[in-house]
């Protein structure tokens, strides 16, 4: 990865289970931190729904290698530029401990 390419900041959230006073389990999200990244967008599909055209966009997000990002739980998400992105997949590029690639999708 070229230096100067990681210009965006993404905050990563991971789920945690907590118990309230009644013993009920509630799902909360805690921030793992803010990481510099690079993001590319790709239009994925367009659908019509009640005379409205809905576009789905997939984001390719690249991070430097951090072990905490490689083993995120399935329910994790990240925020990038005010958008909440659900993580679809995480891959460790070429297994050289340099780059992590996440495929994310914005859901509203």
N, C-alpha and C. Protein backbone atom coordinates (compact mmCIF):
# COMPACT_ATOMS: atom_id res chain seq x y z
N UNK A 1 0.84 -1.17 0.00
CA UNK A 1 0.00 0.00 0.00
C UNK A 1 0.88 1.23 0.00
N UNK A 2 0.62 2.15 -0.91
CA UNK A 2 1.42 3.37 -1.01
C UNK A 2 1.15 4.30 0.16
N UNK A 3 2.19 4.99 0.60
CA UNK A 3 1.99 5.98 1.66
C UNK A 3 1.14 7.13 1.12
N UNK A 4 0.34 7.74 1.97
CA UNK A 4 -0.54 8.82 1.55
C UNK A 4 -1.85 8.35 0.98
N UNK A 5 -2.04 7.06 0.82
CA UNK A 5 -3.27 6.52 0.26
C UNK A 5 -4.37 6.42 1.31
N UNK A 6 -4.02 6.26 2.57
CA UNK A 6 -4.99 6.11 3.65
C UNK A 6 -5.39 7.49 4.17
N UNK A 7 -6.36 8.11 3.53
CA UNK A 7 -6.73 9.48 3.86
C UNK A 7 -8.03 9.60 4.63
N UNK A 8 -8.83 8.56 4.66
CA UNK A 8 -10.13 8.60 5.32
C UNK A 8 -10.03 7.98 6.70
N UNK A 9 -10.94 8.38 7.58
CA UNK A 9 -10.99 7.80 8.93
C UNK A 9 -12.29 7.01 9.08
N UNK A 10 -12.17 5.78 9.56
CA UNK A 10 -13.33 4.93 9.81
C UNK A 10 -13.32 4.50 11.27
N UNK A 11 -14.47 4.58 11.91
CA UNK A 11 -14.59 4.11 13.29
C UNK A 11 -15.26 2.75 13.26
N UNK A 12 -14.66 1.78 13.91
CA UNK A 12 -15.13 0.40 13.90
C UNK A 12 -15.85 0.10 15.21
N UNK A 13 -17.03 -0.51 15.10
CA UNK A 13 -17.84 -0.86 16.26
C UNK A 13 -18.01 -2.37 16.33
N UNK A 14 -17.90 -2.92 17.53
CA UNK A 14 -18.02 -4.35 17.76
C UNK A 14 -19.14 -4.60 18.78
N UNK A 15 -19.92 -5.67 18.63
CA UNK A 15 -21.03 -5.91 19.57
C UNK A 15 -20.53 -6.44 20.91
N UNK A 16 -21.24 -6.04 21.97
CA UNK A 16 -20.99 -6.56 23.31
C UNK A 16 -22.33 -6.87 23.95
N UNK A 17 -22.39 -7.95 24.69
CA UNK A 17 -23.61 -8.31 25.42
C UNK A 17 -23.50 -7.81 26.84
N UNK A 18 -24.52 -7.09 27.30
CA UNK A 18 -24.56 -6.63 28.67
C UNK A 18 -25.86 -7.09 29.30
N UNK A 19 -25.86 -7.18 30.61
CA UNK A 19 -27.04 -7.60 31.35
C UNK A 19 -27.56 -6.41 32.15
N UNK A 20 -28.87 -6.16 32.06
CA UNK A 20 -29.45 -5.06 32.81
C UNK A 20 -29.87 -5.53 34.21
N UNK A 21 -30.55 -4.67 34.97
CA UNK A 21 -30.94 -4.98 36.35
C UNK A 21 -31.90 -6.15 36.45
N UNK A 22 -32.66 -6.42 35.38
CA UNK A 22 -33.64 -7.51 35.39
C UNK A 22 -33.06 -8.82 34.89
N UNK A 23 -31.78 -8.83 34.52
CA UNK A 23 -31.14 -10.04 34.03
C UNK A 23 -31.33 -10.26 32.54
N UNK A 24 -31.89 -9.29 31.84
CA UNK A 24 -32.08 -9.40 30.40
C UNK A 24 -30.78 -9.05 29.68
N UNK A 25 -30.52 -9.79 28.63
CA UNK A 25 -29.31 -9.53 27.84
C UNK A 25 -29.64 -8.54 26.74
N UNK A 26 -28.84 -7.49 26.64
CA UNK A 26 -29.04 -6.49 25.58
C UNK A 26 -27.75 -6.38 24.77
N UNK A 27 -27.93 -6.16 23.48
CA UNK A 27 -26.81 -6.05 22.56
C UNK A 27 -26.44 -4.59 22.40
N UNK A 28 -25.23 -4.24 22.75
CA UNK A 28 -24.70 -2.88 22.60
C UNK A 28 -23.46 -2.94 21.72
N UNK A 29 -23.10 -1.80 21.19
CA UNK A 29 -21.90 -1.72 20.35
C UNK A 29 -20.91 -0.78 20.98
N UNK A 30 -19.65 -1.20 21.05
CA UNK A 30 -18.61 -0.34 21.58
C UNK A 30 -17.57 -0.09 20.49
N UNK A 31 -17.00 1.09 20.51
CA UNK A 31 -16.02 1.48 19.51
C UNK A 31 -14.68 0.81 19.79
N UNK A 32 -14.12 0.20 18.75
CA UNK A 32 -12.78 -0.38 18.87
C UNK A 32 -11.71 0.66 18.59
N UNK A 33 -12.10 1.74 17.93
CA UNK A 33 -11.16 2.80 17.62
C UNK A 33 -11.39 3.37 16.24
N UNK A 34 -10.63 4.39 15.93
CA UNK A 34 -10.69 5.03 14.63
C UNK A 34 -9.40 4.70 13.88
N UNK A 35 -9.56 4.22 12.65
CA UNK A 35 -8.43 3.77 11.84
C UNK A 35 -8.44 4.52 10.51
N UNK A 36 -7.26 4.79 9.99
CA UNK A 36 -7.15 5.38 8.67
C UNK A 36 -7.38 4.30 7.62
N UNK A 37 -8.05 4.67 6.54
CA UNK A 37 -8.38 3.69 5.51
C UNK A 37 -8.48 4.36 4.14
N UNK A 38 -8.65 3.54 3.13
CA UNK A 38 -8.93 3.99 1.77
C UNK A 38 -10.20 3.28 1.34
N UNK A 39 -11.11 3.99 0.68
CA UNK A 39 -12.39 3.39 0.29
C UNK A 39 -12.67 3.63 -1.19
N UNK A 40 -13.16 2.61 -1.85
CA UNK A 40 -13.60 2.68 -3.24
C UNK A 40 -15.05 2.23 -3.29
N UNK A 41 -15.85 2.86 -4.13
CA UNK A 41 -17.26 2.48 -4.24
C UNK A 41 -17.51 1.80 -5.58
N UNK A 42 -18.45 0.85 -5.55
CA UNK A 42 -18.85 0.15 -6.76
C UNK A 42 -20.37 0.00 -6.73
N UNK A 43 -21.07 0.46 -7.77
CA UNK A 43 -22.51 0.21 -7.81
C UNK A 43 -22.76 -1.29 -7.95
N UNK A 44 -23.65 -1.80 -7.13
CA UNK A 44 -23.88 -3.24 -7.14
C UNK A 44 -25.13 -3.61 -7.91
N UNK A 45 -26.23 -2.97 -7.60
CA UNK A 45 -27.47 -3.30 -8.32
C UNK A 45 -28.46 -2.16 -8.16
N UNK A 46 -29.47 -2.17 -9.00
CA UNK A 46 -30.55 -1.20 -8.91
C UNK A 46 -31.86 -1.97 -8.97
N UNK A 47 -32.78 -1.59 -8.10
CA UNK A 47 -34.08 -2.26 -8.03
C UNK A 47 -35.17 -1.20 -8.04
N UNK A 48 -36.32 -1.55 -8.58
CA UNK A 48 -37.45 -0.64 -8.49
C UNK A 48 -38.39 -1.13 -7.41
N UNK A 49 -38.82 -0.21 -6.57
CA UNK A 49 -39.70 -0.53 -5.46
C UNK A 49 -40.75 0.57 -5.37
N UNK A 50 -41.98 0.25 -5.70
CA UNK A 50 -43.08 1.22 -5.66
C UNK A 50 -42.74 2.51 -6.39
N UNK A 51 -42.37 2.40 -7.64
CA UNK A 51 -42.02 3.51 -8.52
C UNK A 51 -40.79 4.30 -8.04
N UNK A 52 -39.95 3.68 -7.23
CA UNK A 52 -38.72 4.31 -6.75
C UNK A 52 -37.54 3.43 -7.14
N UNK A 53 -36.50 4.04 -7.68
CA UNK A 53 -35.30 3.30 -8.05
C UNK A 53 -34.34 3.30 -6.86
N UNK A 54 -34.02 2.12 -6.36
CA UNK A 54 -33.15 1.97 -5.19
C UNK A 54 -31.81 1.40 -5.65
N UNK A 55 -30.73 2.12 -5.37
CA UNK A 55 -29.39 1.66 -5.73
C UNK A 55 -28.69 1.11 -4.50
N UNK A 56 -27.99 0.01 -4.68
CA UNK A 56 -27.18 -0.55 -3.60
C UNK A 56 -25.73 -0.38 -3.99
N UNK A 57 -24.96 0.18 -3.08
CA UNK A 57 -23.55 0.47 -3.35
C UNK A 57 -22.69 -0.34 -2.39
N UNK A 58 -21.66 -0.95 -2.94
CA UNK A 58 -20.70 -1.72 -2.15
C UNK A 58 -19.43 -0.91 -2.02
N UNK A 59 -18.85 -0.91 -0.85
CA UNK A 59 -17.61 -0.20 -0.57
C UNK A 59 -16.49 -1.20 -0.37
N UNK A 60 -15.38 -0.99 -1.05
CA UNK A 60 -14.14 -1.73 -0.79
C UNK A 60 -13.30 -0.85 0.11
N UNK A 61 -13.07 -1.29 1.34
CA UNK A 61 -12.35 -0.49 2.32
C UNK A 61 -11.05 -1.21 2.65
N UNK A 62 -9.93 -0.49 2.54
CA UNK A 62 -8.61 -1.05 2.80
C UNK A 62 -8.00 -0.40 4.03
N UNK A 63 -7.52 -1.21 4.96
CA UNK A 63 -6.85 -0.77 6.17
C UNK A 63 -5.44 -1.33 6.20
N UNK A 64 -4.57 -0.70 6.98
CA UNK A 64 -3.31 -1.36 7.33
C UNK A 64 -3.67 -2.56 8.18
N UNK A 65 -2.75 -3.49 8.29
CA UNK A 65 -3.03 -4.70 9.06
C UNK A 65 -3.08 -4.40 10.55
N UNK A 66 -4.19 -4.72 11.16
CA UNK A 66 -4.36 -4.71 12.62
C UNK A 66 -5.02 -6.03 12.97
N UNK A 67 -4.46 -6.76 13.93
CA UNK A 67 -5.02 -8.06 14.30
C UNK A 67 -6.45 -7.93 14.81
N UNK A 68 -6.79 -6.81 15.46
CA UNK A 68 -8.16 -6.61 15.97
C UNK A 68 -9.18 -6.52 14.85
N UNK A 69 -8.78 -6.04 13.68
CA UNK A 69 -9.72 -5.91 12.56
C UNK A 69 -9.90 -7.22 11.80
N UNK A 70 -8.97 -8.11 11.93
CA UNK A 70 -9.05 -9.36 11.18
C UNK A 70 -10.08 -10.33 11.77
N UNK A 71 -10.33 -10.24 13.06
CA UNK A 71 -11.20 -11.21 13.73
C UNK A 71 -12.43 -10.55 14.33
N UNK A 72 -13.08 -9.67 13.59
CA UNK A 72 -14.28 -9.00 14.08
C UNK A 72 -15.47 -9.95 14.06
N UNK A 73 -16.39 -9.83 15.02
CA UNK A 73 -17.62 -10.62 14.98
C UNK A 73 -18.49 -10.23 13.79
N UNK A 74 -19.41 -11.10 13.43
CA UNK A 74 -20.24 -10.91 12.25
C UNK A 74 -21.13 -9.66 12.32
N UNK A 75 -21.57 -9.27 13.50
CA UNK A 75 -22.49 -8.14 13.65
C UNK A 75 -21.78 -6.78 13.64
N UNK A 76 -20.48 -6.76 13.51
CA UNK A 76 -19.72 -5.51 13.56
C UNK A 76 -20.06 -4.61 12.37
N UNK A 77 -19.84 -3.32 12.55
CA UNK A 77 -20.04 -2.36 11.47
C UNK A 77 -19.03 -1.23 11.63
N UNK A 78 -18.96 -0.38 10.61
CA UNK A 78 -18.08 0.78 10.70
C UNK A 78 -18.80 2.02 10.18
N UNK A 79 -18.34 3.16 10.62
CA UNK A 79 -18.88 4.42 10.12
C UNK A 79 -17.77 5.11 9.34
N UNK A 80 -18.14 5.61 8.18
CA UNK A 80 -17.19 6.24 7.28
C UNK A 80 -17.86 7.44 6.64
N UNK A 81 -17.39 8.63 6.96
CA UNK A 81 -17.97 9.84 6.39
C UNK A 81 -19.43 10.03 6.74
N UNK A 82 -19.83 9.66 7.94
CA UNK A 82 -21.22 9.82 8.37
C UNK A 82 -22.15 8.72 7.89
N UNK A 83 -21.63 7.69 7.23
CA UNK A 83 -22.44 6.58 6.75
C UNK A 83 -22.16 5.33 7.57
N UNK A 84 -23.19 4.59 7.88
CA UNK A 84 -23.04 3.33 8.61
C UNK A 84 -22.92 2.22 7.57
N UNK A 85 -21.79 1.51 7.61
CA UNK A 85 -21.53 0.45 6.64
C UNK A 85 -21.49 -0.90 7.35
N UNK A 86 -22.34 -1.82 6.89
CA UNK A 86 -22.34 -3.19 7.41
C UNK A 86 -21.23 -3.97 6.72
N UNK A 87 -20.47 -4.71 7.49
CA UNK A 87 -19.33 -5.47 6.95
C UNK A 87 -19.85 -6.79 6.39
N UNK A 88 -19.63 -7.02 5.10
CA UNK A 88 -20.03 -8.27 4.46
C UNK A 88 -18.94 -9.32 4.53
N UNK A 89 -17.69 -8.90 4.33
CA UNK A 89 -16.58 -9.86 4.41
C UNK A 89 -15.29 -9.13 4.76
N UNK A 90 -14.38 -9.89 5.35
CA UNK A 90 -13.06 -9.38 5.72
C UNK A 90 -12.03 -10.35 5.17
N UNK A 91 -11.05 -9.83 4.46
CA UNK A 91 -9.99 -10.70 3.96
C UNK A 91 -8.63 -10.10 4.29
N UNK A 92 -7.70 -10.97 4.50
CA UNK A 92 -6.33 -10.62 4.83
C UNK A 92 -5.54 -10.76 3.53
N UNK A 93 -5.21 -9.62 2.92
CA UNK A 93 -4.64 -9.60 1.58
C UNK A 93 -3.26 -10.26 1.57
N UNK A 94 -3.14 -11.31 0.80
CA UNK A 94 -1.90 -12.05 0.56
C UNK A 94 -1.22 -12.58 1.83
N UNK A 95 -1.88 -12.53 2.96
CA UNK A 95 -1.36 -13.07 4.23
C UNK A 95 0.06 -12.59 4.54
N UNK A 96 0.31 -11.31 4.33
CA UNK A 96 1.64 -10.74 4.59
C UNK A 96 1.64 -9.74 5.73
N UNK A 97 0.54 -9.67 6.48
CA UNK A 97 0.40 -8.73 7.60
C UNK A 97 0.63 -7.28 7.19
N UNK A 98 0.08 -6.91 6.02
CA UNK A 98 0.20 -5.53 5.55
C UNK A 98 -1.15 -4.87 5.35
N UNK A 99 -2.10 -5.59 4.77
CA UNK A 99 -3.37 -4.97 4.37
C UNK A 99 -4.56 -5.86 4.73
N UNK A 100 -5.63 -5.22 5.20
CA UNK A 100 -6.91 -5.89 5.43
C UNK A 100 -7.93 -5.26 4.49
N UNK A 101 -8.68 -6.08 3.80
CA UNK A 101 -9.68 -5.64 2.83
C UNK A 101 -11.05 -6.01 3.36
N UNK A 102 -11.94 -5.01 3.48
CA UNK A 102 -13.31 -5.25 3.91
C UNK A 102 -14.26 -4.87 2.78
N UNK A 103 -15.24 -5.71 2.55
CA UNK A 103 -16.31 -5.40 1.63
C UNK A 103 -17.51 -5.01 2.48
N UNK A 104 -18.00 -3.80 2.30
CA UNK A 104 -19.08 -3.26 3.13
C UNK A 104 -20.22 -2.78 2.25
N UNK A 105 -21.41 -2.69 2.86
CA UNK A 105 -22.58 -2.21 2.15
C UNK A 105 -23.35 -1.24 3.04
N UNK A 106 -23.79 -0.16 2.46
CA UNK A 106 -24.58 0.81 3.22
C UNK A 106 -26.03 0.37 3.22
N UNK A 107 -26.62 0.29 4.41
CA UNK A 107 -28.01 -0.10 4.55
C UNK A 107 -28.74 1.01 5.29
N UNK A 108 -29.90 1.36 4.78
CA UNK A 108 -30.67 2.42 5.44
C UNK A 108 -31.98 1.90 5.96
